[in-house]
Amino acid sequence: MKVLAALGEMTAPIFWTFHYGCSINYGKHRVNSVTFSQGYATIKTMSISPGNPISASGPVNGSSSGVISPEETLDITAALADPTRYGIYRAIVDAAGVALTVSEVAEQFSLHPNVARMHLQKLVDVGLVHADTRKSQGGGRPARIYSLSDRVASLQFPPRDYQLLASLALQIVDTIAEAEPEVLERVGVEMGREEGRRALRRDGLDPRHHTFGEMLDSFRSATASLGLFPRIDRDPDGTVRFEIRNCVFRELSARYPGLVCKLHTAVVRGLLEEYFSQFDLEAGPAIFAGDSTCLFTVHIPSAAEG
């Protein structure tokens, strides 16, 4: 996808969110971790969202205000306009914290190592990727490795600030939850169930008549469409290990872990309820606490049978 070439043809409002900025989106087209919605007047010029911070850890390229400048906007869109470079970026996102080397990227995309290195450096220059070194096993020259940076770049046309709205809403929810603790579970489960019903309709599946394997494939697709980059492993004893490799609420969960993580777990529970009639859900390590993934262990009796 050529981002710059397509810019003039898109319709406003447009939402581009890189890294962990994906959220549950309804009625929108999704291109991996870049999202945009359509349906209004054609956009011809770019405007930068005032006061829209790139991430809790700081702005790209050291902008002191935390606002993406016009120059940074052009740098980011230009960096991802190249289809190969965008593919490399997506491969780093999919690696979910596992660093990639130049040789691994070169092999995956059939590139000369020098070309792969150039693409990776472009992503580093705009702050989307972090570069480091790793000692080689043979004691030779340290290998250069690349992983997803902690920064999030959100480009929105016309200006929107849903991050601020979410923060305000969470403060209100926090107050409500003190008096009514079960509200988070109730709201989250219902949201998850609605997502589950939507996914089952899309896939033409009925839990009463389709196999466990079909249900699990649909569940994997549903969680992937929510931007969670899932990894799902199935054990013979009916245990399913479900890893979330991308927290779509990462910045907010770091500030409100008691609210956001509980709500997100409830969403997962509601989603599971639409797919499986019986299960036990256990939440394990979480991204907000410094782990690379959020791990859920799901015990499903029917998994051992199907």
Protein backbone atom coordinates (compact mmCIF):
# COMPACT_ATOMS: atom_id res chain seq x y z
CA MET A 1 0.00 0.00 0.00
CA LYS A 2 1.39 3.36 -0.99
CA VAL A 3 0.26 5.66 1.79
CA LEU A 4 1.14 8.96 0.14
CA ALA A 5 -0.31 8.00 -3.24
CA ALA A 6 -3.55 6.90 -1.63
CA LEU A 7 -3.88 9.93 0.64
CA GLY A 8 -5.63 12.09 -1.94
CA GLU A 9 -8.21 9.39 -2.69
CA MET A 10 -9.25 8.64 0.90
CA THR A 11 -12.30 10.18 2.49
CA ALA A 12 -12.34 11.96 5.82
CA PRO A 13 -12.16 11.42 8.69
CA ILE A 14 -9.06 9.24 8.47
CA PHE A 15 -7.47 7.53 11.46
CA TRP A 16 -3.96 6.13 11.19
CA THR A 17 -2.59 4.53 14.29
CA PHE A 18 0.77 2.81 14.35
CA HIS A 19 1.96 0.24 16.91
CA TYR A 20 -0.33 -0.18 19.86
CA GLY A 21 -2.87 2.40 18.78
CA CYS A 22 -5.33 -0.09 17.26
CA SER A 23 -8.64 -0.35 19.05
CA ILE A 24 -11.94 -2.14 18.60
CA ASN A 25 -13.27 -0.49 15.45
CA TYR A 26 -16.75 -0.81 14.01
CA GLY A 27 -17.59 -0.12 10.36
CA LYS A 28 -14.01 0.67 9.43
CA HIS A 29 -11.56 -0.78 6.97
CA ARG A 30 -8.39 -2.12 8.56
CA VAL A 31 -4.98 -2.44 6.96
CA ASN A 32 -2.97 -4.37 9.52
CA SER A 33 -2.22 -1.91 12.31
CA VAL A 34 -3.18 1.13 10.25
CA THR A 35 -6.87 2.00 10.29
CA PHE A 36 -8.93 4.47 8.34
CA SER A 37 -12.65 5.09 8.11
CA GLN A 38 -14.51 6.30 5.06
CA GLY A 39 -17.72 8.06 4.22
CA TYR A 40 -17.38 11.83 4.10
CA ALA A 41 -15.85 14.57 1.97
CA THR A 42 -12.62 13.86 0.07
CA ILE A 43 -9.63 15.14 1.95
CA LYS A 44 -7.06 17.22 0.06
CA THR A 45 -4.93 18.69 2.81
CA MET A 46 -3.47 17.40 6.06
CA SER A 47 -4.09 18.88 9.48
CA ILE A 48 -2.32 17.80 12.65
CA SER A 49 -4.24 16.94 15.79
CA PRO A 50 -3.48 19.54 18.47
CA GLY A 51 -2.42 18.10 21.80
CA ASN A 52 -2.45 14.50 20.58
CA PRO A 53 0.56 12.84 22.25
CA ILE A 54 2.40 10.14 20.40
CA SER A 55 2.88 7.99 23.47
CA ALA A 56 3.29 7.99 27.20
CA SER A 57 7.02 7.46 26.70
CA GLY A 58 7.54 10.54 24.59
CA PRO A 59 7.17 11.84 21.07
CA VAL A 60 8.93 10.63 17.94
CA ASN A 61 12.20 12.36 17.13
CA GLY A 62 12.14 14.21 20.42
CA SER A 63 9.41 16.74 19.74
CA SER A 64 9.12 18.63 23.02
CA SER A 65 5.39 19.25 22.82
CA GLY A 66 4.28 15.69 22.16
CA VAL A 67 2.37 16.87 19.06
CA ILE A 68 3.25 15.31 15.72
CA SER A 69 4.61 18.13 13.61
CA PRO A 70 3.92 18.41 9.86
CA GLU A 71 7.50 17.34 9.20
CA GLU A 72 7.15 14.24 11.40
CA THR A 73 3.85 13.41 9.72
CA LEU A 74 5.50 13.46 6.31
CA ASP A 75 8.46 11.44 7.59
CA ILE A 76 6.21 8.70 9.00
CA THR A 77 3.92 8.47 5.98
CA ALA A 78 6.90 8.51 3.61
CA ALA A 79 8.62 5.76 5.58
CA LEU A 80 5.56 3.50 5.33
CA ALA A 81 4.68 4.44 1.75
CA ASP A 82 7.14 1.88 0.42
CA PRO A 83 5.33 -1.51 0.27
CA THR A 84 8.43 -3.50 1.18
CA ARG A 85 9.27 -1.26 4.11
CA TYR A 86 5.68 -1.43 5.33
CA GLY A 87 5.86 -5.21 5.10
CA ILE A 88 9.05 -5.19 7.17
CA TYR A 89 7.41 -2.96 9.75
CA ARG A 90 4.44 -5.32 9.95
CA ALA A 91 6.79 -8.30 10.35
CA ILE A 92 8.40 -6.55 13.32
CA VAL A 93 4.95 -5.86 14.79
CA ASP A 94 3.95 -9.51 14.34
CA ALA A 95 7.14 -10.64 16.05
CA ALA A 96 5.62 -9.25 19.27
CA GLY A 97 8.78 -8.26 21.08
CA VAL A 98 11.11 -10.82 19.50
CA ALA A 99 13.90 -8.85 17.85
CA LEU A 100 14.73 -9.52 14.20
CA THR A 101 18.17 -9.36 12.62
CA VAL A 102 19.10 -7.88 9.26
CA SER A 103 19.72 -11.35 7.85
CA GLU A 104 16.29 -12.58 9.02
CA VAL A 105 14.56 -9.61 7.39
CA ALA A 106 16.63 -10.00 4.22
CA GLU A 107 15.74 -13.69 3.97
CA GLN A 108 12.05 -13.17 4.67
CA PHE A 109 11.68 -10.46 2.02
CA SER A 110 14.28 -11.79 -0.47
CA LEU A 111 16.45 -8.70 -0.15
CA HIS A 112 20.17 -8.07 -0.16
CA PRO A 113 21.26 -7.46 3.46
CA ASN A 114 22.32 -3.90 2.62
CA VAL A 115 18.85 -3.14 1.24
CA ALA A 116 17.19 -4.69 4.29
CA ARG A 117 19.46 -2.64 6.54
CA MET A 118 18.47 0.55 4.69
CA HIS A 119 14.76 -0.15 5.15
CA LEU A 120 15.23 -0.92 8.83
CA GLN A 121 17.21 2.27 9.40
CA LYS A 122 14.41 4.32 7.82
CA LEU A 123 11.98 2.84 10.35
CA VAL A 124 14.42 3.59 13.17
CA ASP A 125 14.84 7.18 11.96
CA VAL A 126 11.11 7.91 12.31
CA GLY A 127 10.90 6.25 15.73
CA LEU A 128 8.71 3.28 14.80
CA VAL A 129 11.44 0.70 15.38
CA HIS A 130 14.16 0.39 18.01
CA ALA A 131 17.67 -0.81 17.12
CA ASP A 132 20.05 -2.58 19.50
CA THR A 133 22.97 -5.00 19.38
CA ARG A 134 23.27 -8.62 20.49
CA LYS A 135 26.45 -10.55 21.09
CA SER A 136 27.00 -13.30 18.56
CA GLN A 137 27.47 -16.88 19.78
CA GLY A 138 30.77 -17.24 17.95
CA GLY A 139 32.27 -14.24 19.69
CA GLY A 140 32.40 -12.17 16.50
CA ARG A 141 30.94 -8.82 15.68
CA PRO A 142 27.68 -8.11 17.60
CA ALA A 143 24.56 -8.48 15.51
CA ARG A 144 22.26 -5.52 14.96
CA ILE A 145 18.72 -6.37 16.06
CA TYR A 146 15.43 -4.56 15.53
CA SER A 147 12.21 -4.57 17.55
CA LEU A 148 9.07 -2.50 17.88
CA SER A 149 9.64 0.75 19.75
CA ASP A 150 7.51 1.79 22.71
CA ARG A 151 6.31 4.88 20.92
CA VAL A 152 2.91 5.21 19.31
CA ALA A 153 2.25 7.59 16.44
CA SER A 154 -1.38 8.52 15.81
CA LEU A 155 -2.18 10.55 12.72
CA GLN A 156 -5.77 11.74 12.44
CA PHE A 157 -7.44 13.71 9.69
CA PRO A 158 -9.35 15.88 10.69
CA PRO A 159 -8.09 16.38 14.27
CA ARG A 160 -9.51 14.08 16.95
CA ASP A 161 -8.39 13.35 20.53
CA TYR A 162 -10.01 10.09 21.61
CA GLN A 163 -7.11 9.37 23.97
CA LEU A 164 -8.16 12.32 26.11
CA LEU A 165 -11.81 11.26 25.93
CA ALA A 166 -10.85 7.72 27.00
CA SER A 167 -8.88 9.06 29.96
CA LEU A 168 -11.81 11.21 31.07
CA ALA A 169 -14.22 8.29 30.64
CA LEU A 170 -11.98 6.01 32.70
CA GLN A 171 -11.91 8.53 35.53
CA ILE A 172 -15.73 8.53 35.51
CA VAL A 173 -15.84 4.72 35.34
CA ASP A 174 -13.39 4.51 38.24
CA THR A 175 -15.80 6.54 40.36
CA ILE A 176 -18.77 4.39 39.33
CA ALA A 177 -16.87 1.14 39.87
CA GLU A 178 -16.11 2.08 43.47
CA ALA A 179 -19.84 2.02 44.21
CA GLU A 180 -20.72 -0.75 41.76
CA PRO A 181 -17.67 -3.03 41.24
CA GLU A 182 -19.51 -5.47 38.97
CA VAL A 183 -20.14 -2.80 36.32
CA LEU A 184 -16.78 -3.41 34.62
CA GLU A 185 -17.39 -7.14 34.32
CA ARG A 186 -20.93 -6.65 33.04
CA VAL A 187 -20.05 -4.08 30.39
CA GLY A 188 -16.92 -5.91 29.24
CA VAL A 189 -18.63 -9.30 28.94
CA GLU A 190 -21.50 -7.84 26.91
CA MET A 191 -19.07 -6.10 24.57
CA GLY A 192 -17.16 -9.36 24.11
CA ARG A 193 -20.35 -11.31 23.47
CA GLU A 194 -21.43 -8.82 20.82
CA GLU A 195 -18.05 -9.21 19.10
CA GLY A 196 -18.47 -12.98 19.28
CA ARG A 197 -21.93 -12.88 17.74
CA ARG A 198 -20.66 -10.62 14.99
CA ALA A 199 -17.75 -12.95 14.21
CA LEU A 200 -19.92 -16.09 14.20
CA ARG A 201 -22.38 -14.47 11.79
CA ARG A 202 -19.51 -13.43 9.56
CA ASP A 203 -18.09 -16.96 9.48
CA GLY A 204 -21.49 -18.65 9.21
CA LEU A 205 -20.87 -20.78 12.30
CA ASP A 206 -23.08 -22.18 15.03
CA PRO A 207 -21.35 -23.57 18.16
CA ARG A 208 -24.05 -26.25 18.41
CA HIS A 209 -23.34 -27.70 14.98
CA HIS A 210 -19.69 -27.00 14.13
CA THR A 211 -16.50 -28.61 15.40
CA PHE A 212 -14.25 -27.31 18.12
CA GLY A 213 -11.51 -26.76 15.54
CA GLU A 214 -13.79 -24.56 13.46
CA MET A 215 -14.79 -22.59 16.53
CA LEU A 216 -11.15 -22.08 17.54
CA ASP A 217 -10.18 -20.90 14.04
CA SER A 218 -13.04 -18.39 14.09
CA PHE A 219 -12.06 -17.25 17.60
CA ARG A 220 -8.49 -16.72 16.41
CA SER A 221 -9.74 -14.67 13.47
CA ALA A 222 -12.01 -12.60 15.74
CA THR A 223 -9.20 -11.72 18.14
CA ALA A 224 -6.87 -10.92 15.24
CA SER A 225 -9.47 -8.51 13.83
CA LEU A 226 -9.42 -6.71 17.19
CA GLY A 227 -5.71 -6.03 16.76
CA LEU A 228 -4.56 -8.45 19.49
CA PHE A 229 -2.03 -10.39 17.34
CA PRO A 230 -3.05 -13.64 19.06
CA ARG A 231 -1.01 -16.78 19.46
CA ILE A 232 -3.19 -19.76 20.36
CA ASP A 233 -1.84 -23.19 21.35
CA ARG A 234 -4.05 -26.19 22.03
CA ASP A 235 -3.05 -29.00 24.41
CA PRO A 236 -4.48 -32.55 24.23
CA ASP A 237 -6.02 -32.21 27.69
CA GLY A 238 -8.43 -29.48 26.58
CA THR A 239 -6.27 -26.53 27.64
CA VAL A 240 -5.98 -23.62 25.24
CA ARG A 241 -3.22 -21.07 25.85
CA PHE A 242 -4.20 -17.73 24.41
CA GLU A 243 -1.52 -15.05 24.18
CA ILE A 244 -2.30 -11.43 23.40
CA ARG A 245 0.85 -10.07 21.77
CA ASN A 246 -0.43 -6.56 21.26
CA CYS A 247 -2.34 -4.64 23.93
CA VAL A 248 -4.63 -2.25 22.08
CA PHE A 249 -5.09 -0.30 25.32
CA ARG A 250 -1.43 -0.34 26.35
CA GLU A 251 -0.95 3.31 27.24
CA LEU A 252 -4.22 3.45 29.17
CA SER A 253 -3.60 0.13 30.93
CA ALA A 254 -0.30 1.47 32.24
CA ARG A 255 -2.18 4.37 33.86
CA TYR A 256 -5.34 2.50 34.91
CA PRO A 257 -4.36 -1.18 35.21
CA GLY A 258 -7.09 -2.02 37.70
CA LEU A 259 -9.74 -0.74 35.32
CA VAL A 260 -8.46 -1.42 31.82
CA CYS A 261 -7.08 -4.92 32.38
CA LYS A 262 -10.17 -6.03 34.26
CA LEU A 263 -12.39 -4.64 31.50
CA HIS A 264 -10.30 -6.23 28.75
CA THR A 265 -10.34 -9.61 30.53
CA ALA A 266 -14.12 -9.33 30.72
CA VAL A 267 -14.24 -8.68 26.96
CA VAL A 268 -12.21 -11.86 26.37
CA ARG A 269 -14.56 -13.78 28.69
CA GLY A 270 -17.62 -12.50 26.81
CA LEU A 271 -16.07 -13.46 23.48
CA LEU A 272 -15.37 -16.96 24.76
CA GLU A 273 -18.93 -17.31 26.06
CA GLU A 274 -20.30 -16.99 22.52
CA TYR A 275 -17.96 -19.71 21.23
CA PHE A 276 -17.85 -22.28 24.02
CA SER A 277 -20.61 -23.33 26.39
CA GLN A 278 -18.22 -24.40 29.17
CA PHE A 279 -14.76 -23.11 30.04
CA ASP A 280 -12.57 -21.87 32.88
CA LEU A 281 -10.49 -18.76 32.25
CA GLU A 282 -7.26 -17.89 34.07
CA ALA A 283 -5.40 -14.64 33.45
CA GLY A 284 -1.61 -14.75 33.69
CA PRO A 285 1.24 -12.28 33.04
CA ALA A 286 0.25 -8.94 31.58
CA ILE A 287 1.87 -6.43 29.23
CA PHE A 288 1.23 -3.47 31.55
CA ALA A 289 3.37 -5.16 34.22
CA GLY A 290 6.34 -5.45 31.86
CA ASP A 291 5.71 -8.84 30.24
CA SER A 292 5.88 -9.14 26.46
CA THR A 293 2.38 -10.64 26.25
CA CYS A 294 -0.85 -11.08 28.16
CA LEU A 295 -1.44 -14.79 28.74
CA PHE A 296 -4.83 -16.42 29.24
CA THR A 297 -5.19 -20.11 29.99
CA VAL A 298 -8.59 -21.47 28.95
CA HIS A 299 -9.73 -24.93 30.05
CA ILE A 300 -12.40 -26.12 27.60
CA PRO A 301 -13.84 -29.63 28.15
CA SER A 302 -14.93 -29.96 24.52
CA ALA A 303 -11.39 -29.26 23.34
CA ALA A 304 -10.24 -32.70 24.49
CA GLU A 305 -13.06 -34.30 22.50
CA GLY A 306 -12.86 -32.34 19.24
